């Protein structure tokens, strides 16, 4: 199975869906958050699915410093993300929701507040689904972050950040231990409009957690 070509963006992609597919894109990573302006909508998910694109979901609010993270925050964010996935989008079982750790987290952070945050996410997922969550938990972050949380079974998929200087990222990329990998941002034309995004790719030898809505 070849690697899939994708992108991630905070921009709404409904009107770009067909053009992106014609340009060879296989998937788009879109947001769940408290900011409706950047969130994936049901109409957008349907348009992406109808165009033949897979969708990836990532939850991110203020995950840029250690003080944001805690078990309580993980429970709250996990519950909100799960509700958006199931109730708003109808995200199918067997796919994943990634959660961002958007800074160079230290080992102490990962063993402490960041690890607690992901434990809270897993608690929220279990509580929302009577102990049997239909969704996997993914992490977006450095190589050290992805590796540590997956080793601790607090996440099952790793999306490697483009920041090669972050701890462990070069070795994680070189060893192809990621499920998804992000590359440096670009600008490209789409349906006559400029679209800012980060390129991504899947690891052909690992699950990716992407989805397409049923019926498309």
N, C-alpha and C. Protein backbone atom coordinates (compact mmCIF):
# COMPACT_ATOMS: atom_id res chain seq x y z
N UNK A 1 0.85 -1.20 0.00
CA UNK A 1 0.00 0.00 0.00
C UNK A 1 0.88 1.24 0.00
N UNK A 2 0.72 2.15 -0.96
CA UNK A 2 1.56 3.35 -1.00
C UNK A 2 1.18 4.35 0.09
N UNK A 3 2.11 5.26 0.38
CA UNK A 3 1.80 6.34 1.31
C UNK A 3 0.72 7.23 0.72
N UNK A 4 -0.18 7.71 1.57
CA UNK A 4 -1.23 8.63 1.14
C UNK A 4 -0.73 10.06 1.25
N UNK A 5 -1.14 10.89 0.31
CA UNK A 5 -0.77 12.30 0.27
C UNK A 5 -1.89 13.13 0.89
N UNK A 6 -1.53 13.96 1.86
CA UNK A 6 -2.56 14.74 2.53
C UNK A 6 -2.13 16.14 2.88
N UNK A 7 -3.00 16.84 3.58
CA UNK A 7 -2.73 18.19 4.04
C UNK A 7 -3.52 18.45 5.31
N UNK A 8 -3.07 19.44 6.07
CA UNK A 8 -3.85 19.90 7.21
C UNK A 8 -3.98 21.41 7.15
N UNK A 9 -5.14 21.90 7.54
CA UNK A 9 -5.42 23.32 7.44
C UNK A 9 -6.55 23.70 8.38
N UNK A 10 -6.54 24.97 8.81
CA UNK A 10 -7.66 25.52 9.56
C UNK A 10 -8.73 26.10 8.65
N UNK A 11 -8.48 26.08 7.33
CA UNK A 11 -9.42 26.63 6.36
C UNK A 11 -10.53 25.63 6.05
N UNK A 12 -11.71 26.14 5.82
CA UNK A 12 -12.85 25.30 5.43
C UNK A 12 -12.65 24.87 3.97
N UNK A 13 -12.83 23.58 3.70
CA UNK A 13 -12.41 23.00 2.41
C UNK A 13 -13.54 22.58 1.48
N UNK A 14 -14.77 22.89 1.81
CA UNK A 14 -15.88 22.40 1.01
C UNK A 14 -15.69 22.72 -0.48
N UNK A 15 -15.40 23.96 -0.80
CA UNK A 15 -15.30 24.34 -2.21
C UNK A 15 -13.98 23.93 -2.86
N UNK A 16 -13.04 23.45 -2.05
CA UNK A 16 -11.76 23.00 -2.58
C UNK A 16 -11.70 21.49 -2.78
N UNK A 17 -12.71 20.77 -2.30
CA UNK A 17 -12.60 19.32 -2.20
C UNK A 17 -12.28 18.65 -3.53
N UNK A 18 -13.06 18.94 -4.55
CA UNK A 18 -12.85 18.29 -5.84
C UNK A 18 -11.51 18.66 -6.45
N UNK A 19 -11.11 19.93 -6.32
CA UNK A 19 -9.83 20.37 -6.87
C UNK A 19 -8.67 19.68 -6.17
N UNK A 20 -8.76 19.54 -4.86
CA UNK A 20 -7.69 18.87 -4.12
C UNK A 20 -7.56 17.41 -4.54
N UNK A 21 -8.71 16.77 -4.73
CA UNK A 21 -8.66 15.36 -5.15
C UNK A 21 -8.03 15.26 -6.54
N UNK A 22 -8.37 16.20 -7.43
CA UNK A 22 -7.83 16.15 -8.79
C UNK A 22 -6.33 16.44 -8.80
N UNK A 23 -5.84 17.11 -7.77
CA UNK A 23 -4.41 17.40 -7.66
C UNK A 23 -3.65 16.27 -6.95
N UNK A 24 -4.34 15.18 -6.68
CA UNK A 24 -3.67 14.00 -6.14
C UNK A 24 -3.68 13.85 -4.65
N UNK A 25 -4.46 14.67 -3.95
CA UNK A 25 -4.54 14.53 -2.50
C UNK A 25 -5.49 13.40 -2.13
N UNK A 26 -5.10 12.67 -1.10
CA UNK A 26 -5.89 11.53 -0.63
C UNK A 26 -6.65 11.83 0.66
N UNK A 27 -6.15 12.78 1.46
CA UNK A 27 -6.81 13.06 2.73
C UNK A 27 -6.58 14.49 3.18
N UNK A 28 -7.46 14.94 4.08
CA UNK A 28 -7.36 16.26 4.68
C UNK A 28 -7.55 16.13 6.18
N UNK A 29 -6.67 16.74 6.94
CA UNK A 29 -6.78 16.79 8.40
C UNK A 29 -7.49 18.09 8.77
N UNK A 30 -8.56 17.95 9.55
CA UNK A 30 -9.35 19.12 9.93
C UNK A 30 -9.61 19.10 11.45
N UNK A 31 -10.08 20.23 11.95
CA UNK A 31 -10.11 20.45 13.39
C UNK A 31 -11.45 20.15 14.04
N UNK A 32 -11.35 19.67 15.29
CA UNK A 32 -12.39 19.77 16.30
C UNK A 32 -11.83 20.71 17.37
N UNK A 33 -12.66 21.64 17.84
CA UNK A 33 -12.20 22.58 18.87
C UNK A 33 -13.42 23.36 19.39
N UNK A 34 -13.15 24.37 20.22
CA UNK A 34 -14.22 25.26 20.67
C UNK A 34 -14.39 26.46 19.73
N UNK A 35 -13.59 26.51 18.67
CA UNK A 35 -13.62 27.63 17.72
C UNK A 35 -14.35 27.18 16.46
N UNK A 36 -15.60 27.55 16.34
CA UNK A 36 -16.42 27.08 15.21
C UNK A 36 -15.83 27.51 13.87
N UNK A 37 -15.09 28.61 13.83
CA UNK A 37 -14.56 29.12 12.56
C UNK A 37 -13.56 28.17 11.92
N UNK A 38 -12.88 27.35 12.72
CA UNK A 38 -11.89 26.46 12.14
C UNK A 38 -12.31 24.99 12.16
N UNK A 39 -13.51 24.72 12.68
CA UNK A 39 -13.92 23.33 12.86
C UNK A 39 -14.43 22.69 11.58
N UNK A 40 -14.21 21.40 11.47
CA UNK A 40 -14.87 20.59 10.44
C UNK A 40 -16.37 20.62 10.67
N UNK A 41 -17.14 20.86 9.62
CA UNK A 41 -18.60 20.82 9.71
C UNK A 41 -19.10 19.56 9.01
N UNK A 42 -20.36 19.23 9.25
CA UNK A 42 -20.94 18.06 8.60
C UNK A 42 -21.00 18.26 7.09
N UNK A 43 -21.37 19.46 6.65
CA UNK A 43 -21.42 19.71 5.21
C UNK A 43 -20.06 19.56 4.56
N UNK A 44 -19.02 20.05 5.23
CA UNK A 44 -17.67 19.92 4.71
C UNK A 44 -17.24 18.46 4.68
N UNK A 45 -17.54 17.72 5.74
CA UNK A 45 -17.19 16.30 5.78
C UNK A 45 -17.87 15.54 4.65
N UNK A 46 -19.10 15.90 4.36
CA UNK A 46 -19.81 15.25 3.25
C UNK A 46 -19.17 15.61 1.91
N UNK A 47 -18.78 16.87 1.75
CA UNK A 47 -18.15 17.29 0.49
C UNK A 47 -16.81 16.60 0.29
N UNK A 48 -16.01 16.51 1.34
CA UNK A 48 -14.72 15.83 1.24
C UNK A 48 -14.91 14.35 0.92
N UNK A 49 -15.87 13.72 1.59
CA UNK A 49 -16.13 12.30 1.35
C UNK A 49 -16.63 12.08 -0.07
N UNK A 50 -17.52 12.95 -0.54
CA UNK A 50 -18.07 12.81 -1.89
C UNK A 50 -16.99 12.99 -2.95
N UNK A 51 -15.97 13.80 -2.66
CA UNK A 51 -14.88 14.01 -3.61
C UNK A 51 -13.87 12.87 -3.60
N UNK A 52 -14.03 11.94 -2.67
CA UNK A 52 -13.12 10.80 -2.60
C UNK A 52 -11.95 11.00 -1.65
N UNK A 53 -12.02 12.04 -0.83
CA UNK A 53 -10.97 12.31 0.14
C UNK A 53 -11.28 11.64 1.47
N UNK A 54 -10.26 11.12 2.12
CA UNK A 54 -10.37 10.69 3.50
C UNK A 54 -10.22 11.91 4.40
N UNK A 55 -10.70 11.78 5.64
CA UNK A 55 -10.68 12.88 6.60
C UNK A 55 -9.96 12.42 7.86
N UNK A 56 -9.16 13.31 8.41
CA UNK A 56 -8.56 13.08 9.71
C UNK A 56 -9.01 14.17 10.67
N UNK A 57 -9.23 13.82 11.92
CA UNK A 57 -9.71 14.78 12.91
C UNK A 57 -8.63 15.01 13.97
N UNK A 58 -8.40 16.29 14.28
CA UNK A 58 -7.45 16.64 15.34
C UNK A 58 -8.09 17.68 16.25
N UNK A 59 -8.00 17.44 17.56
CA UNK A 59 -8.49 18.39 18.55
C UNK A 59 -7.33 19.28 18.98
N UNK A 60 -7.54 20.60 18.89
CA UNK A 60 -6.52 21.53 19.40
C UNK A 60 -7.18 22.82 19.83
N UNK A 61 -6.81 23.28 21.04
CA UNK A 61 -7.26 24.58 21.52
C UNK A 61 -6.04 25.42 21.90
N UNK A 62 -5.48 25.19 23.08
CA UNK A 62 -4.35 26.00 23.55
C UNK A 62 -3.18 25.12 24.00
N UNK A 63 -2.89 24.10 23.21
CA UNK A 63 -1.94 23.07 23.62
C UNK A 63 -0.49 23.44 23.29
N UNK A 64 -0.08 24.65 23.65
CA UNK A 64 1.25 25.13 23.27
C UNK A 64 2.18 25.31 24.46
N UNK A 65 1.77 24.87 25.64
CA UNK A 65 2.62 25.01 26.83
C UNK A 65 2.16 24.02 27.88
N UNK A 66 3.07 23.62 28.75
CA UNK A 66 2.79 22.56 29.71
C UNK A 66 1.66 22.92 30.67
N UNK A 67 1.53 24.19 31.00
CA UNK A 67 0.52 24.59 31.98
C UNK A 67 -0.91 24.38 31.50
N UNK A 68 -1.10 24.19 30.20
CA UNK A 68 -2.45 23.92 29.68
C UNK A 68 -2.93 22.54 30.08
N UNK A 69 -2.01 21.59 30.21
CA UNK A 69 -2.37 20.18 30.30
C UNK A 69 -2.64 19.75 31.75
N UNK A 70 -3.67 18.91 31.90
CA UNK A 70 -4.00 18.29 33.18
C UNK A 70 -4.98 17.17 32.91
N UNK A 71 -5.20 16.33 33.90
CA UNK A 71 -6.19 15.26 33.73
C UNK A 71 -7.59 15.85 33.51
N UNK A 72 -7.93 16.88 34.28
CA UNK A 72 -9.26 17.49 34.15
C UNK A 72 -9.46 18.08 32.76
N UNK A 73 -8.40 18.73 32.23
CA UNK A 73 -8.51 19.29 30.88
C UNK A 73 -8.66 18.19 29.85
N UNK A 74 -7.97 17.07 30.06
CA UNK A 74 -8.10 15.94 29.15
C UNK A 74 -9.50 15.35 29.16
N UNK A 75 -10.09 15.26 30.33
CA UNK A 75 -11.47 14.75 30.42
C UNK A 75 -12.41 15.68 29.67
N UNK A 76 -12.25 16.99 29.87
CA UNK A 76 -13.13 17.96 29.22
C UNK A 76 -12.94 17.95 27.71
N UNK A 77 -11.69 17.96 27.25
CA UNK A 77 -11.43 17.97 25.82
C UNK A 77 -11.82 16.65 25.17
N UNK A 78 -11.55 15.55 25.86
CA UNK A 78 -11.93 14.24 25.33
C UNK A 78 -13.43 14.13 25.15
N UNK A 79 -14.19 14.59 26.14
CA UNK A 79 -15.65 14.53 26.05
C UNK A 79 -16.17 15.40 24.91
N UNK A 80 -15.60 16.61 24.77
CA UNK A 80 -16.05 17.52 23.71
C UNK A 80 -15.71 16.97 22.33
N UNK A 81 -14.50 16.43 22.18
CA UNK A 81 -14.09 15.88 20.90
C UNK A 81 -14.93 14.66 20.53
N UNK A 82 -15.17 13.79 21.49
CA UNK A 82 -15.99 12.60 21.25
C UNK A 82 -17.39 13.01 20.80
N UNK A 83 -17.96 14.01 21.45
CA UNK A 83 -19.31 14.45 21.11
C UNK A 83 -19.36 15.04 19.70
N UNK A 84 -18.35 15.83 19.33
CA UNK A 84 -18.31 16.38 17.98
C UNK A 84 -18.20 15.27 16.95
N UNK A 85 -17.33 14.30 17.24
CA UNK A 85 -17.13 13.21 16.30
C UNK A 85 -18.41 12.41 16.08
N UNK A 86 -19.05 12.04 17.17
CA UNK A 86 -20.20 11.14 17.06
C UNK A 86 -21.49 11.89 16.73
N UNK A 87 -21.75 12.99 17.44
CA UNK A 87 -23.05 13.65 17.31
C UNK A 87 -23.09 14.65 16.16
N UNK A 88 -22.01 15.37 15.92
CA UNK A 88 -22.00 16.41 14.89
C UNK A 88 -21.62 15.86 13.52
N UNK A 89 -20.55 15.07 13.46
CA UNK A 89 -20.01 14.61 12.19
C UNK A 89 -20.49 13.21 11.82
N UNK A 90 -20.75 12.37 12.80
CA UNK A 90 -21.05 10.97 12.51
C UNK A 90 -19.79 10.22 12.09
N UNK A 91 -18.67 10.56 12.73
CA UNK A 91 -17.40 9.91 12.42
C UNK A 91 -17.53 8.41 12.67
N UNK A 92 -17.15 7.58 11.72
CA UNK A 92 -17.37 6.14 11.85
C UNK A 92 -16.43 5.48 12.86
N UNK A 93 -16.92 4.41 13.44
CA UNK A 93 -16.12 3.61 14.37
C UNK A 93 -14.88 3.07 13.66
N UNK A 94 -13.83 2.90 14.43
CA UNK A 94 -12.59 2.38 13.88
C UNK A 94 -11.61 3.44 13.43
N UNK A 95 -12.06 4.69 13.41
CA UNK A 95 -11.18 5.81 13.07
C UNK A 95 -10.63 6.42 14.36
N UNK A 96 -9.89 7.51 14.24
CA UNK A 96 -9.22 8.09 15.40
C UNK A 96 -9.46 9.59 15.50
N UNK A 97 -9.23 10.11 16.68
CA UNK A 97 -9.15 11.55 16.90
C UNK A 97 -7.77 11.83 17.46
N UNK A 98 -7.02 12.68 16.77
CA UNK A 98 -5.70 13.09 17.25
C UNK A 98 -5.85 14.29 18.19
N UNK A 99 -4.97 14.38 19.18
CA UNK A 99 -4.95 15.50 20.11
C UNK A 99 -3.56 16.12 20.08
N UNK A 100 -3.52 17.45 19.97
CA UNK A 100 -2.26 18.15 19.73
C UNK A 100 -1.48 18.42 21.01
N UNK A 101 -0.17 18.22 20.91
CA UNK A 101 0.80 18.72 21.88
C UNK A 101 1.75 19.58 21.06
N UNK A 102 1.40 20.85 20.92
CA UNK A 102 2.00 21.70 19.90
C UNK A 102 3.17 22.52 20.46
N UNK A 103 4.09 21.84 21.12
CA UNK A 103 5.33 22.47 21.58
C UNK A 103 6.32 21.34 21.87
N UNK A 104 7.55 21.69 22.19
CA UNK A 104 8.60 20.69 22.40
C UNK A 104 8.54 20.19 23.84
N UNK A 105 7.64 19.27 24.09
CA UNK A 105 7.40 18.77 25.45
C UNK A 105 8.62 18.01 25.96
N UNK A 106 8.96 18.23 27.22
CA UNK A 106 10.08 17.53 27.86
C UNK A 106 9.61 16.18 28.39
N UNK A 107 10.58 15.37 28.79
CA UNK A 107 10.24 14.08 29.39
C UNK A 107 9.40 14.29 30.65
N UNK A 108 9.76 15.31 31.44
CA UNK A 108 9.00 15.59 32.66
C UNK A 108 7.56 15.99 32.33
N UNK A 109 7.38 16.77 31.28
CA UNK A 109 6.02 17.15 30.86
C UNK A 109 5.22 15.91 30.47
N UNK A 110 5.86 15.02 29.72
CA UNK A 110 5.17 13.84 29.21
C UNK A 110 4.84 12.85 30.32
N UNK A 111 5.71 12.77 31.30
CA UNK A 111 5.44 11.90 32.44
C UNK A 111 4.45 12.54 33.42
N UNK A 112 4.33 13.86 33.33
CA UNK A 112 3.46 14.59 34.24
C UNK A 112 2.18 15.08 33.58
N UNK A 113 2.04 16.40 33.36
CA UNK A 113 0.75 16.95 32.93
C UNK A 113 0.27 16.48 31.56
N UNK A 114 1.17 16.29 30.61
CA UNK A 114 0.73 15.84 29.29
C UNK A 114 0.24 14.41 29.35
N UNK A 115 0.96 13.55 30.06
CA UNK A 115 0.48 12.18 30.25
C UNK A 115 -0.85 12.14 30.98
N UNK A 116 -0.99 13.00 32.00
CA UNK A 116 -2.26 13.08 32.73
C UNK A 116 -3.40 13.49 31.79
N UNK A 117 -3.11 14.43 30.89
CA UNK A 117 -4.11 14.90 29.93
C UNK A 117 -4.61 13.75 29.07
N UNK A 118 -3.71 12.94 28.56
CA UNK A 118 -4.13 11.83 27.70
C UNK A 118 -4.82 10.73 28.50
N UNK A 119 -4.45 10.56 29.75
CA UNK A 119 -5.21 9.64 30.59
C UNK A 119 -6.63 10.13 30.76
N UNK A 120 -6.80 11.46 30.88
CA UNK A 120 -8.13 12.04 30.98
C UNK A 120 -8.94 11.85 29.71
N UNK A 121 -8.29 11.97 28.56
CA UNK A 121 -8.98 11.72 27.29
C UNK A 121 -9.51 10.30 27.24
N UNK A 122 -8.68 9.35 27.60
CA UNK A 122 -9.10 7.95 27.56
C UNK A 122 -10.25 7.70 28.52
N UNK A 123 -10.22 8.34 29.68
CA UNK A 123 -11.33 8.23 30.63
C UNK A 123 -12.62 8.77 30.01
N UNK A 124 -12.53 9.92 29.36
CA UNK A 124 -13.71 10.52 28.75
C UNK A 124 -14.27 9.66 27.63
N UNK A 125 -13.39 9.11 26.80
CA UNK A 125 -13.84 8.24 25.71
C UNK A 125 -14.55 7.01 26.27
N UNK A 126 -13.96 6.42 27.30
CA UNK A 126 -14.56 5.23 27.90
C UNK A 126 -15.92 5.55 28.52
N UNK A 127 -16.02 6.68 29.21
CA UNK A 127 -17.27 7.06 29.85
C UNK A 127 -18.36 7.35 28.83
N UNK A 128 -17.98 7.91 27.67
CA UNK A 128 -18.96 8.26 26.65
C UNK A 128 -19.47 7.05 25.89
N UNK A 129 -18.76 5.93 26.01
CA UNK A 129 -19.11 4.76 25.19
C UNK A 129 -19.21 3.49 26.02
N UNK A 130 -19.57 3.64 27.30
CA UNK A 130 -19.73 2.48 28.18
C UNK A 130 -18.50 1.59 28.19
N UNK A 131 -17.33 2.23 28.17
CA UNK A 131 -16.09 1.49 28.29
C UNK A 131 -15.51 0.97 26.99
N UNK A 132 -16.24 1.07 25.88
CA UNK A 132 -15.77 0.54 24.60
C UNK A 132 -15.82 1.64 23.54
N UNK A 133 -14.83 2.52 23.57
CA UNK A 133 -14.83 3.65 22.65
C UNK A 133 -14.66 3.19 21.21
N UNK A 134 -15.46 3.74 20.29
CA UNK A 134 -15.28 3.40 18.87
C UNK A 134 -14.09 4.09 18.23
N UNK A 135 -13.49 5.07 18.94
CA UNK A 135 -12.43 5.89 18.36
C UNK A 135 -11.09 5.64 19.03
N UNK A 136 -10.05 5.57 18.21
CA UNK A 136 -8.70 5.53 18.74
C UNK A 136 -8.26 6.92 19.16
N UNK A 137 -7.28 6.97 20.05
CA UNK A 137 -6.68 8.23 20.49
C UNK A 137 -5.33 8.39 19.81
N UNK A 138 -5.17 9.46 19.05
CA UNK A 138 -3.90 9.78 18.41
C UNK A 138 -3.28 10.99 19.07
N UNK A 139 -1.98 11.16 18.88
CA UNK A 139 -1.28 12.33 19.40
C UNK A 139 -0.51 12.99 18.26
N UNK A 140 -0.59 14.32 18.21
CA UNK A 140 0.22 15.14 17.31
C UNK A 140 1.31 15.80 18.14
N UNK A 141 2.56 15.62 17.75
CA UNK A 141 3.63 16.25 18.51
C UNK A 141 4.99 15.80 18.05
N UNK A 142 5.96 15.97 18.92
CA UNK A 142 7.34 15.60 18.63
C UNK A 142 7.51 14.09 18.60
N UNK A 143 8.68 13.67 18.13
CA UNK A 143 8.97 12.24 18.16
C UNK A 143 8.97 11.70 19.57
N UNK A 144 9.59 12.43 20.50
CA UNK A 144 9.59 12.00 21.90
C UNK A 144 8.18 11.92 22.45
N UNK A 145 7.36 12.90 22.12
CA UNK A 145 5.97 12.93 22.59
C UNK A 145 5.19 11.73 22.06
N UNK A 146 5.24 11.53 20.76
CA UNK A 146 4.50 10.41 20.17
C UNK A 146 4.98 9.08 20.74
N UNK A 147 6.28 8.90 20.79
CA UNK A 147 6.84 7.63 21.25
C UNK A 147 6.48 7.36 22.71
N UNK A 148 6.61 8.38 23.55
CA UNK A 148 6.35 8.20 24.99
C UNK A 148 4.89 7.86 25.25
N UNK A 149 3.97 8.60 24.66
CA UNK A 149 2.56 8.37 24.93
C UNK A 149 2.07 7.04 24.35
N UNK A 150 2.61 6.65 23.20
CA UNK A 150 2.23 5.36 22.64
C UNK A 150 2.82 4.22 23.48
N UNK A 151 4.06 4.37 23.92
CA UNK A 151 4.67 3.35 24.78
C UNK A 151 3.90 3.18 26.08
N UNK A 152 3.35 4.28 26.59
CA UNK A 152 2.57 4.23 27.84
C UNK A 152 1.11 3.84 27.60
N UNK A 153 0.77 3.55 26.35
CA UNK A 153 -0.58 3.16 25.95
C UNK A 153 -1.62 4.23 26.27
N UNK A 154 -1.17 5.48 26.22
CA UNK A 154 -2.08 6.61 26.38
C UNK A 154 -2.55 7.12 25.03
N UNK A 155 -1.92 6.68 23.96
CA UNK A 155 -2.32 6.95 22.58
C UNK A 155 -1.94 5.73 21.75
N UNK A 156 -2.60 5.59 20.63
CA UNK A 156 -2.30 4.43 19.78
C UNK A 156 -1.75 4.83 18.41
N UNK A 157 -1.81 6.12 18.07
CA UNK A 157 -1.28 6.60 16.79
C UNK A 157 -0.50 7.89 17.00
N UNK A 158 0.57 8.07 16.22
CA UNK A 158 1.39 9.27 16.33
C UNK A 158 1.45 10.03 15.02
N UNK A 159 1.12 11.32 15.09
CA UNK A 159 1.25 12.22 13.94
C UNK A 159 2.43 13.13 14.24
N UNK A 160 3.53 12.96 13.52
CA UNK A 160 4.77 13.65 13.81
C UNK A 160 4.74 15.07 13.29
N UNK A 161 4.99 16.02 14.17
CA UNK A 161 5.04 17.44 13.82
C UNK A 161 6.17 17.72 12.83
N UNK A 162 5.99 18.78 12.04
CA UNK A 162 7.00 19.21 11.07
C UNK A 162 8.26 19.75 11.74
N UNK A 163 8.22 20.03 13.04
CA UNK A 163 9.34 20.68 13.75
C UNK A 163 10.45 19.68 14.01
N UNK A 164 11.39 19.57 13.07
CA UNK A 164 12.44 18.56 13.14
C UNK A 164 13.38 18.78 14.32
N UNK A 165 13.43 20.02 14.85
CA UNK A 165 14.32 20.30 15.98
C UNK A 165 13.74 19.84 17.31
N UNK A 166 12.47 19.44 17.35
CA UNK A 166 11.87 18.97 18.58
C UNK A 166 12.51 17.65 19.01
N UNK A 167 12.42 17.36 20.28
CA UNK A 167 13.08 16.19 20.87
C UNK A 167 12.62 14.89 20.20
N UNK A 168 13.58 14.11 19.73
CA UNK A 168 13.29 12.79 19.20
C UNK A 168 12.69 12.75 17.82
N UNK A 169 12.45 13.90 17.20
CA UNK A 169 11.69 13.91 15.95
C UNK A 169 12.47 13.34 14.77
N UNK A 170 13.75 13.67 14.67
CA UNK A 170 14.53 13.16 13.54
C UNK A 170 14.62 11.65 13.58
N UNK A 171 14.90 11.08 14.75
CA UNK A 171 15.00 9.62 14.87
C UNK A 171 13.66 8.96 14.63
N UNK A 172 12.58 9.60 15.09
CA UNK A 172 11.24 9.04 14.90
C UNK A 172 10.88 9.01 13.41
N UNK A 173 11.26 10.07 12.70
CA UNK A 173 11.00 10.12 11.25
C UNK A 173 11.88 9.12 10.52
N UNK A 174 13.16 9.08 10.86
CA UNK A 174 14.08 8.19 10.17
C UNK A 174 13.71 6.72 10.38
N UNK A 175 13.16 6.41 11.54
CA UNK A 175 12.74 5.04 11.82
C UNK A 175 11.35 4.71 11.33
N UNK A 176 10.69 5.70 10.69
CA UNK A 176 9.33 5.53 10.16
C UNK A 176 8.40 4.94 11.21
N UNK A 177 8.49 5.49 12.43
CA UNK A 177 7.63 5.00 13.51
C UNK A 177 6.31 5.77 13.59
N UNK A 178 6.16 6.79 12.79
CA UNK A 178 4.96 7.61 12.78
C UNK A 178 3.82 6.90 12.03
N UNK A 179 2.60 7.33 12.33
CA UNK A 179 1.43 6.93 11.54
C UNK A 179 1.15 7.96 10.46
N UNK A 180 1.30 9.24 10.83
CA UNK A 180 1.22 10.35 9.89
C UNK A 180 2.43 11.24 10.14
N UNK A 181 2.86 11.95 9.10
CA UNK A 181 3.97 12.89 9.24
C UNK A 181 3.62 14.19 8.54
N UNK A 182 3.92 15.29 9.23
CA UNK A 182 3.64 16.64 8.70
C UNK A 182 4.91 17.24 8.13
N UNK A 183 4.76 17.97 7.03
CA UNK A 183 5.91 18.61 6.38
C UNK A 183 5.75 20.13 6.44
N UNK A 184 6.71 20.86 5.90
CA UNK A 184 6.70 22.31 6.00
C UNK A 184 5.55 22.92 5.21
N UNK A 185 4.98 24.03 5.68
CA UNK A 185 3.80 24.62 5.04
C UNK A 185 4.09 25.20 3.67
N UNK A 186 3.05 25.20 2.84
CA UNK A 186 3.13 25.77 1.48
C UNK A 186 1.84 26.53 1.20
N UNK A 187 1.83 27.20 0.05
CA UNK A 187 0.59 27.80 -0.45
C UNK A 187 0.32 27.23 -1.82
N UNK A 188 -0.94 26.90 -2.08
CA UNK A 188 -1.27 26.32 -3.38
C UNK A 188 -2.63 26.83 -3.83
N UNK A 189 -2.82 26.85 -5.15
CA UNK A 189 -4.10 27.31 -5.69
C UNK A 189 -5.13 26.21 -5.57
N UNK A 190 -6.37 26.60 -5.23
CA UNK A 190 -7.46 25.63 -5.20
C UNK A 190 -8.74 26.32 -5.61
N UNK A 191 -9.34 25.87 -6.66
CA UNK A 191 -10.57 26.44 -7.21
C UNK A 191 -10.48 27.96 -7.33
N UNK A 192 -9.32 28.45 -7.77
CA UNK A 192 -9.17 29.88 -7.99
C UNK A 192 -8.81 30.69 -6.77
N UNK A 193 -8.72 30.05 -5.59
CA UNK A 193 -8.38 30.75 -4.36
C UNK A 193 -7.08 30.21 -3.80
N UNK A 194 -6.35 31.04 -3.08
CA UNK A 194 -5.13 30.60 -2.43
C UNK A 194 -5.48 29.90 -1.11
N UNK A 195 -4.82 28.79 -0.87
CA UNK A 195 -5.09 27.98 0.30
C UNK A 195 -3.79 27.72 1.04
N UNK A 196 -3.71 28.12 2.30
CA UNK A 196 -2.53 27.86 3.12
C UNK A 196 -2.71 26.54 3.85
N UNK A 197 -1.69 25.69 3.80
CA UNK A 197 -1.81 24.39 4.46
C UNK A 197 -0.44 23.80 4.72
N UNK A 198 -0.42 22.77 5.54
CA UNK A 198 0.77 21.96 5.77
C UNK A 198 0.60 20.64 5.03
N UNK A 199 1.58 20.20 4.26
CA UNK A 199 1.50 18.89 3.63
C UNK A 199 1.70 17.77 4.67
N UNK A 200 1.08 16.65 4.43
CA UNK A 200 1.20 15.48 5.30
C UNK A 200 1.29 14.23 4.45
N UNK A 201 1.73 13.15 5.07
CA UNK A 201 1.73 11.85 4.40
C UNK A 201 1.47 10.78 5.44
N UNK A 202 0.91 9.68 5.00
CA UNK A 202 0.69 8.54 5.89
C UNK A 202 1.88 7.60 5.80
N UNK A 203 2.02 6.77 6.80
CA UNK A 203 2.98 5.68 6.77
C UNK A 203 2.28 4.46 6.18
N UNK A 204 2.72 3.96 5.03
CA UNK A 204 1.99 2.86 4.39
C UNK A 204 1.99 1.57 5.20
N UNK A 205 2.86 1.48 6.21
CA UNK A 205 2.96 0.25 6.99
C UNK A 205 2.25 0.33 8.33
N UNK A 206 1.55 1.44 8.58
CA UNK A 206 0.87 1.61 9.87
C UNK A 206 -0.54 2.15 9.65
N UNK A 207 -1.46 1.88 10.57
CA UNK A 207 -2.81 2.45 10.45
C UNK A 207 -2.77 3.96 10.58
N UNK A 208 -3.74 4.63 9.97
CA UNK A 208 -3.72 6.10 10.00
C UNK A 208 -4.89 6.72 10.74
N UNK A 209 -5.96 6.00 10.97
CA UNK A 209 -7.10 6.53 11.70
C UNK A 209 -7.98 7.47 10.91
N UNK A 210 -7.78 7.56 9.60
CA UNK A 210 -8.61 8.44 8.76
C UNK A 210 -9.95 7.79 8.47
N UNK A 211 -10.89 8.61 7.98
CA UNK A 211 -12.23 8.07 7.73
C UNK A 211 -12.89 8.77 6.55
N UNK A 212 -13.94 8.15 6.09
CA UNK A 212 -14.85 8.74 5.10
C UNK A 212 -16.26 8.47 5.60
N UNK A 213 -17.15 9.42 5.46
CA UNK A 213 -18.52 9.22 5.93
C UNK A 213 -19.21 8.11 5.14
N UNK A 214 -20.05 7.38 5.80
CA UNK A 214 -20.76 6.28 5.13
C UNK A 214 -21.69 6.84 4.06
N UNK A 215 -21.86 6.10 2.99
CA UNK A 215 -22.72 6.52 1.90
C UNK A 215 -22.00 7.25 0.79
N UNK A 216 -20.66 7.44 0.95
CA UNK A 216 -19.89 8.16 -0.09
C UNK A 216 -18.77 7.25 -0.60
